[in-house]
């Protein structure tokens, strides 16, 4: 009889422990999902910033190309020196 009570106590402790572990795992998974969602949001934000920077860089490169063409034309017309010091 005492053995049966001890076995029931151990069994209920194990079941309670397993329920606690499962609840903890579910809670951690929820936090993991929140962290994943936060990381995905950060990645999306970084992608938008990179796209914006790429657009700005493209614009700067176009302006540089335009300026270089203007300078080359001015140099051909003799409006500028050769660039030597």
N, C-alpha and C. Protein backbone atom coordinates (compact mmCIF):
# COMPACT_ATOMS: atom_id res chain seq x y z
N UNK A 1 0.82 -1.18 0.00
CA UNK A 1 0.00 0.00 0.00
C UNK A 1 0.87 1.26 0.00
N UNK A 2 1.89 1.29 0.84
CA UNK A 2 2.80 2.44 0.88
C UNK A 2 3.56 2.59 -0.44
N UNK A 3 3.88 1.44 -1.01
CA UNK A 3 4.57 1.48 -2.31
C UNK A 3 3.67 2.08 -3.37
N UNK A 4 2.39 1.72 -3.30
CA UNK A 4 1.43 2.25 -4.27
C UNK A 4 1.28 3.75 -4.09
N UNK A 5 1.22 4.26 -2.87
CA UNK A 5 1.11 5.70 -2.63
C UNK A 5 2.38 6.41 -3.10
N UNK A 6 3.54 5.80 -2.82
CA UNK A 6 4.81 6.40 -3.27
C UNK A 6 4.86 6.46 -4.78
N UNK A 7 4.42 5.39 -5.42
CA UNK A 7 4.40 5.36 -6.89
C UNK A 7 3.43 6.41 -7.45
N UNK A 8 2.28 6.58 -6.82
CA UNK A 8 1.31 7.59 -7.26
C UNK A 8 1.89 8.99 -7.06
N UNK A 9 2.61 9.20 -5.95
CA UNK A 9 3.22 10.51 -5.68
C UNK A 9 4.29 10.81 -6.73
N UNK A 10 5.11 9.82 -7.03
CA UNK A 10 6.15 10.01 -8.04
C UNK A 10 5.51 10.25 -9.41
N UNK A 11 4.47 9.49 -9.72
CA UNK A 11 3.78 9.64 -11.00
C UNK A 11 3.17 11.03 -11.15
N UNK A 12 2.46 11.51 -10.06
CA UNK A 12 1.86 12.83 -10.16
C UNK A 12 2.92 13.91 -10.22
N UNK A 13 4.05 13.71 -9.54
CA UNK A 13 5.14 14.69 -9.62
C UNK A 13 5.69 14.74 -11.04
N UNK A 14 5.86 13.57 -11.64
CA UNK A 14 6.36 13.53 -13.03
C UNK A 14 5.38 14.19 -13.98
N UNK A 15 4.10 13.89 -13.83
CA UNK A 15 3.09 14.47 -14.71
C UNK A 15 3.06 15.99 -14.52
N UNK A 16 3.09 16.43 -13.25
CA UNK A 16 3.11 17.87 -12.97
C UNK A 16 4.35 18.51 -13.56
N UNK A 17 5.49 17.84 -13.43
CA UNK A 17 6.73 18.36 -13.99
C UNK A 17 6.67 18.45 -15.50
N UNK A 18 6.11 17.42 -16.13
CA UNK A 18 5.97 17.43 -17.59
C UNK A 18 5.04 18.55 -18.05
N UNK A 19 3.95 18.76 -17.29
CA UNK A 19 3.04 19.85 -17.64
C UNK A 19 3.75 21.19 -17.52
N UNK A 20 4.56 21.33 -16.47
CA UNK A 20 5.30 22.58 -16.27
C UNK A 20 6.31 22.79 -17.39
N UNK A 21 7.02 21.74 -17.77
CA UNK A 21 8.00 21.83 -18.86
C UNK A 21 7.29 22.18 -20.17
N UNK A 22 6.14 21.56 -20.42
CA UNK A 22 5.40 21.85 -21.64
C UNK A 22 4.93 23.31 -21.66
N UNK A 23 4.41 23.77 -20.53
CA UNK A 23 3.96 25.16 -20.46
C UNK A 23 5.12 26.11 -20.68
N UNK A 24 6.26 25.79 -20.09
CA UNK A 24 7.45 26.62 -20.27
C UNK A 24 7.91 26.61 -21.73
N UNK A 25 7.88 25.44 -22.34
CA UNK A 25 8.27 25.33 -23.76
C UNK A 25 7.34 26.15 -24.64
N UNK A 26 6.04 26.07 -24.38
CA UNK A 26 5.09 26.86 -25.17
C UNK A 26 5.32 28.35 -24.97
N UNK A 27 5.62 28.73 -23.74
CA UNK A 27 5.88 30.16 -23.47
C UNK A 27 7.14 30.61 -24.21
N UNK A 28 8.18 29.78 -24.17
CA UNK A 28 9.42 30.13 -24.86
C UNK A 28 9.20 30.18 -26.37
N UNK A 29 8.38 29.28 -26.89
CA UNK A 29 8.08 29.31 -28.32
C UNK A 29 7.38 30.60 -28.69
N UNK A 30 6.48 31.03 -27.85
CA UNK A 30 5.79 32.30 -28.11
C UNK A 30 6.77 33.44 -28.14
N UNK A 31 7.70 33.47 -27.21
CA UNK A 31 8.72 34.52 -27.20
C UNK A 31 9.63 34.37 -28.40
N UNK A 32 9.90 33.13 -28.78
CA UNK A 32 10.72 32.90 -29.96
C UNK A 32 10.06 33.44 -31.20
N UNK A 33 8.74 33.25 -31.28
CA UNK A 33 8.01 33.78 -32.44
C UNK A 33 8.05 35.30 -32.44
N UNK A 34 7.91 35.89 -31.25
CA UNK A 34 7.98 37.34 -31.17
C UNK A 34 9.35 37.84 -31.61
N UNK A 35 10.38 37.12 -31.18
CA UNK A 35 11.74 37.50 -31.59
C UNK A 35 11.90 37.34 -33.09
N UNK A 36 11.36 36.24 -33.64
CA UNK A 36 11.44 36.03 -35.09
C UNK A 36 10.70 37.13 -35.83
N UNK A 37 9.52 37.48 -35.34
CA UNK A 37 8.76 38.55 -35.97
C UNK A 37 9.52 39.87 -35.91
N UNK A 38 10.14 40.14 -34.77
CA UNK A 38 10.92 41.37 -34.62
C UNK A 38 12.10 41.38 -35.57
N UNK A 39 12.76 40.24 -35.69
CA UNK A 39 13.89 40.16 -36.62
C UNK A 39 13.44 40.34 -38.07
N UNK A 40 12.30 39.75 -38.42
CA UNK A 40 11.78 39.92 -39.78
C UNK A 40 11.44 41.38 -40.06
N UNK A 41 10.87 42.06 -39.06
CA UNK A 41 10.58 43.48 -39.22
C UNK A 41 11.87 44.27 -39.44
N UNK A 42 12.91 43.93 -38.66
CA UNK A 42 14.19 44.63 -38.81
C UNK A 42 14.78 44.37 -40.19
N UNK A 43 14.69 43.14 -40.66
CA UNK A 43 15.21 42.80 -41.99
C UNK A 43 14.46 43.59 -43.06
N UNK A 44 13.12 43.66 -42.93
CA UNK A 44 12.34 44.45 -43.89
C UNK A 44 12.74 45.91 -43.86
N UNK A 45 12.93 46.45 -42.65
CA UNK A 45 13.34 47.85 -42.52
C UNK A 45 14.71 48.08 -43.15
N UNK A 46 15.63 47.15 -42.91
CA UNK A 46 16.97 47.28 -43.50
C UNK A 46 16.91 47.18 -45.02
N UNK A 47 16.05 46.31 -45.54
CA UNK A 47 15.90 46.20 -46.99
C UNK A 47 15.41 47.51 -47.58
N UNK A 48 14.44 48.14 -46.89
CA UNK A 48 13.92 49.42 -47.37
C UNK A 48 15.02 50.49 -47.35
N UNK A 49 15.82 50.48 -46.28
CA UNK A 49 16.90 51.47 -46.18
C UNK A 49 17.95 51.24 -47.26
N UNK A 50 18.27 49.99 -47.53
CA UNK A 50 19.24 49.67 -48.57
C UNK A 50 18.70 50.11 -49.93
N UNK A 51 17.42 49.85 -50.18
CA UNK A 51 16.81 50.27 -51.44
C UNK A 51 16.86 51.79 -51.58
N UNK A 52 16.59 52.48 -50.48
CA UNK A 52 16.65 53.95 -50.50
C UNK A 52 18.08 54.43 -50.77
N UNK A 53 19.03 53.82 -50.10
CA UNK A 53 20.43 54.19 -50.32
C UNK A 53 20.88 53.88 -51.73
N UNK A 54 20.39 52.76 -52.28
CA UNK A 54 20.74 52.41 -53.66
C UNK A 54 20.21 53.46 -54.62
N UNK A 55 18.98 53.93 -54.36
CA UNK A 55 18.41 54.99 -55.20
C UNK A 55 19.22 56.27 -55.11
N UNK A 56 19.63 56.62 -53.89
CA UNK A 56 20.44 57.82 -53.72
C UNK A 56 21.79 57.67 -54.42
N UNK A 57 22.40 56.50 -54.30
CA UNK A 57 23.68 56.26 -54.96
C UNK A 57 23.54 56.34 -56.47
N UNK A 58 22.47 55.75 -57.00
CA UNK A 58 22.23 55.82 -58.45
C UNK A 58 22.12 57.28 -58.90
N UNK A 59 21.41 58.08 -58.11
CA UNK A 59 21.26 59.50 -58.45
C UNK A 59 22.60 60.22 -58.42
N UNK A 60 23.40 59.95 -57.42
CA UNK A 60 24.72 60.59 -57.32
C UNK A 60 25.60 60.17 -58.50
N UNK A 61 25.54 58.89 -58.87
CA UNK A 61 26.34 58.42 -60.01
C UNK A 61 25.89 59.07 -61.32
N UNK A 62 24.59 59.26 -61.47
CA UNK A 62 24.09 59.94 -62.67
C UNK A 62 24.58 61.38 -62.71
N UNK A 63 24.54 62.05 -61.56
CA UNK A 63 25.01 63.43 -61.51
C UNK A 63 26.51 63.51 -61.78
N UNK A 64 27.26 62.55 -61.27
CA UNK A 64 28.70 62.53 -61.50
C UNK A 64 28.98 62.34 -63.00
N UNK A 65 28.26 61.41 -63.61
CA UNK A 65 28.43 61.15 -65.04
C UNK A 65 28.10 62.41 -65.85
N UNK A 66 27.02 63.07 -65.50
CA UNK A 66 26.62 64.30 -66.18
C UNK A 66 27.70 65.38 -66.04
N UNK A 67 28.21 65.52 -64.81
CA UNK A 67 29.25 66.53 -64.55
C UNK A 67 30.51 66.21 -65.35
N UNK A 68 30.89 64.95 -65.40
CA UNK A 68 32.07 64.56 -66.15
C UNK A 68 31.90 64.85 -67.64
N UNK A 69 30.70 64.61 -68.16
CA UNK A 69 30.45 64.92 -69.58
C UNK A 69 30.54 66.42 -69.84
N UNK A 70 29.95 67.21 -68.94
CA UNK A 70 30.02 68.66 -69.10
C UNK A 70 31.46 69.15 -69.05
N UNK A 71 32.24 68.61 -68.13
CA UNK A 71 33.64 69.02 -68.03
C UNK A 71 34.42 68.61 -69.28
N UNK A 72 34.13 67.41 -69.79
CA UNK A 72 34.83 66.96 -70.99
C UNK A 72 34.48 67.85 -72.18
N UNK A 73 33.21 68.23 -72.30
CA UNK A 73 32.80 69.12 -73.39
C UNK A 73 33.46 70.49 -73.24
N UNK A 74 33.51 71.01 -72.03
CA UNK A 74 34.13 72.31 -71.80
C UNK A 74 35.61 72.25 -72.11
N UNK A 75 36.25 71.15 -71.77
CA UNK A 75 37.68 70.98 -72.04
C UNK A 75 37.92 70.93 -73.55
N UNK A 76 37.05 70.21 -74.29
CA UNK A 76 37.19 70.12 -75.75
C UNK A 76 37.02 71.49 -76.41
N UNK A 77 36.18 72.32 -75.85
CA UNK A 77 35.97 73.66 -76.40
C UNK A 77 37.06 74.64 -75.97
N UNK A 78 37.96 74.17 -75.13
CA UNK A 78 39.03 75.04 -74.67
C UNK A 78 38.61 75.99 -73.56
N UNK A 79 37.47 75.70 -72.97
CA UNK A 79 36.99 76.57 -71.88
C UNK A 79 37.69 76.25 -70.56
N UNK A 80 38.30 75.07 -70.48
CA UNK A 80 39.03 74.67 -69.26
C UNK A 80 40.45 74.32 -69.64
N UNK A 81 41.31 74.35 -68.65
CA UNK A 81 42.68 73.93 -68.87
C UNK A 81 42.73 72.41 -68.97
N UNK A 82 43.90 71.90 -69.15
CA UNK A 82 44.07 70.44 -69.30
C UNK A 82 43.96 69.71 -67.98
N UNK A 83 43.91 70.44 -66.88
CA UNK A 83 43.82 69.81 -65.57
C UNK A 83 45.17 69.61 -64.92
N UNK A 84 46.24 69.90 -65.61
CA UNK A 84 47.58 69.78 -65.03
C UNK A 84 47.88 70.99 -64.18
N UNK A 85 48.71 70.83 -63.18
CA UNK A 85 49.02 71.93 -62.27
C UNK A 85 50.10 72.84 -62.76
